[in-house]
Amino acid sequence: MYLPAYSPDLNPIEKAWSILKRKVRHIVSQQQKTILEALDIGFNQM
């Protein structure tokens, strides 16, 4: 099976970071929280 040099679909941590970034963006835009507070909430929701 040929694998490209970079394949985020085959790297589970890439999916986790994507989910976390999406949650943080949503939290910051909706609640005007600081980035650190949003990261803490995002990690807790995962």
N, C-alpha and C. Protein backbone atom coordinates (compact mmCIF):
# COMPACT_ATOMS: atom_id res chain seq x y z
N MET A 1 0.84 -1.17 0.00
CA MET A 1 0.00 0.00 0.00
C MET A 1 0.89 1.24 0.00
N TYR A 2 0.66 2.14 -0.92
CA TYR A 2 1.42 3.37 -1.02
C TYR A 2 0.87 4.39 -0.02
N LEU A 3 1.76 5.00 0.74
CA LEU A 3 1.37 6.05 1.67
C LEU A 3 2.07 7.34 1.28
N PRO A 4 1.34 8.41 1.17
CA PRO A 4 1.98 9.69 0.86
C PRO A 4 2.88 10.13 2.02
N ALA A 5 3.72 11.09 1.76
CA ALA A 5 4.67 11.56 2.78
C ALA A 5 3.95 12.06 4.03
N TYR A 6 2.80 12.66 3.86
CA TYR A 6 2.03 13.17 5.00
C TYR A 6 0.58 12.78 4.80
N SER A 7 0.06 12.00 5.70
CA SER A 7 -1.31 11.53 5.57
C SER A 7 -2.06 11.73 6.89
N PRO A 8 -2.72 12.88 7.07
CA PRO A 8 -3.41 13.13 8.34
C PRO A 8 -4.54 12.15 8.60
N ASP A 9 -5.09 11.53 7.55
CA ASP A 9 -6.17 10.56 7.74
C ASP A 9 -5.68 9.31 8.46
N LEU A 10 -4.39 9.01 8.36
CA LEU A 10 -3.86 7.81 8.98
C LEU A 10 -3.17 8.11 10.32
N ASN A 11 -3.23 9.34 10.76
CA ASN A 11 -2.59 9.73 12.01
C ASN A 11 -3.68 10.19 12.99
N PRO A 12 -4.03 9.37 13.98
CA PRO A 12 -5.15 9.69 14.87
C PRO A 12 -4.98 10.99 15.65
N ILE A 13 -3.75 11.39 15.98
CA ILE A 13 -3.57 12.62 16.74
C ILE A 13 -3.98 13.83 15.93
N GLU A 14 -3.85 13.75 14.60
CA GLU A 14 -4.28 14.86 13.74
C GLU A 14 -5.78 15.09 13.88
N LYS A 15 -6.53 14.01 13.96
CA LYS A 15 -7.99 14.12 14.13
C LYS A 15 -8.31 14.74 15.49
N ALA A 16 -7.59 14.33 16.53
CA ALA A 16 -7.82 14.88 17.87
C ALA A 16 -7.52 16.38 17.90
N TRP A 17 -6.41 16.81 17.29
CA TRP A 17 -6.08 18.23 17.27
C TRP A 17 -7.12 19.01 16.48
N SER A 18 -7.62 18.43 15.40
CA SER A 18 -8.64 19.09 14.60
C SER A 18 -9.91 19.33 15.41
N ILE A 19 -10.31 18.30 16.15
CA ILE A 19 -11.51 18.42 17.00
C ILE A 19 -11.29 19.49 18.06
N LEU A 20 -10.12 19.47 18.71
CA LEU A 20 -9.83 20.45 19.76
C LEU A 20 -9.83 21.87 19.20
N LYS A 21 -9.19 22.08 18.04
CA LYS A 21 -9.16 23.42 17.45
C LYS A 21 -10.56 23.92 17.13
N ARG A 22 -11.41 23.03 16.62
CA ARG A 22 -12.79 23.41 16.30
C ARG A 22 -13.54 23.82 17.57
N LYS A 23 -13.38 23.04 18.65
CA LYS A 23 -14.04 23.35 19.92
C LYS A 23 -13.55 24.68 20.49
N VAL A 24 -12.24 24.91 20.44
CA VAL A 24 -11.67 26.14 20.98
C VAL A 24 -12.18 27.34 20.19
N ARG A 25 -12.20 27.25 18.87
CA ARG A 25 -12.71 28.37 18.06
C ARG A 25 -14.15 28.69 18.42
N HIS A 26 -14.96 27.66 18.58
CA HIS A 26 -16.37 27.85 18.92
C HIS A 26 -16.52 28.50 20.30
N ILE A 27 -15.78 28.00 21.26
CA ILE A 27 -15.88 28.52 22.63
C ILE A 27 -15.44 29.98 22.68
N VAL A 28 -14.33 30.31 22.04
CA VAL A 28 -13.82 31.67 22.07
C VAL A 28 -14.79 32.62 21.38
N SER A 29 -15.35 32.21 20.25
CA SER A 29 -16.25 33.10 19.53
C SER A 29 -17.58 33.27 20.25
N GLN A 30 -18.06 32.25 20.93
CA GLN A 30 -19.36 32.31 21.58
C GLN A 30 -19.30 32.95 22.96
N GLN A 31 -18.24 32.72 23.70
CA GLN A 31 -18.22 33.13 25.11
C GLN A 31 -17.17 34.18 25.43
N GLN A 32 -16.40 34.62 24.46
CA GLN A 32 -15.36 35.62 24.68
C GLN A 32 -14.41 35.24 25.82
N LYS A 33 -14.06 33.97 25.88
CA LYS A 33 -13.11 33.49 26.89
C LYS A 33 -11.68 33.67 26.37
N THR A 34 -10.74 33.57 27.30
CA THR A 34 -9.35 33.62 26.88
C THR A 34 -9.00 32.29 26.21
N ILE A 35 -7.92 32.27 25.48
CA ILE A 35 -7.48 31.06 24.79
C ILE A 35 -7.20 29.94 25.79
N LEU A 36 -6.56 30.24 26.90
CA LEU A 36 -6.25 29.19 27.88
C LEU A 36 -7.51 28.59 28.48
N GLU A 37 -8.50 29.42 28.78
CA GLU A 37 -9.76 28.90 29.30
C GLU A 37 -10.45 28.03 28.26
N ALA A 38 -10.42 28.48 27.00
CA ALA A 38 -11.06 27.72 25.93
C ALA A 38 -10.35 26.39 25.72
N LEU A 39 -9.01 26.37 25.79
CA LEU A 39 -8.27 25.11 25.66
C LEU A 39 -8.64 24.14 26.78
N ASP A 40 -8.75 24.66 27.99
CA ASP A 40 -9.11 23.82 29.13
C ASP A 40 -10.50 23.22 28.93
N ILE A 41 -11.46 24.02 28.50
CA ILE A 41 -12.81 23.52 28.25
C ILE A 41 -12.79 22.51 27.11
N GLY A 42 -12.06 22.81 26.04
CA GLY A 42 -11.98 21.91 24.90
C GLY A 42 -11.40 20.56 25.27
N PHE A 43 -10.32 20.54 26.04
CA PHE A 43 -9.72 19.28 26.48
C PHE A 43 -10.69 18.49 27.33
N ASN A 44 -11.42 19.17 28.20
CA ASN A 44 -12.37 18.48 29.07
C ASN A 44 -13.54 17.89 28.29
N GLN A 45 -13.89 18.47 27.14
CA GLN A 45 -15.00 17.97 26.34
C GLN A 45 -14.61 16.80 25.45
N MET A 46 -13.31 16.57 25.29
CA MET A 46 -12.87 15.48 24.40
C MET A 46 -13.00 14.13 25.05
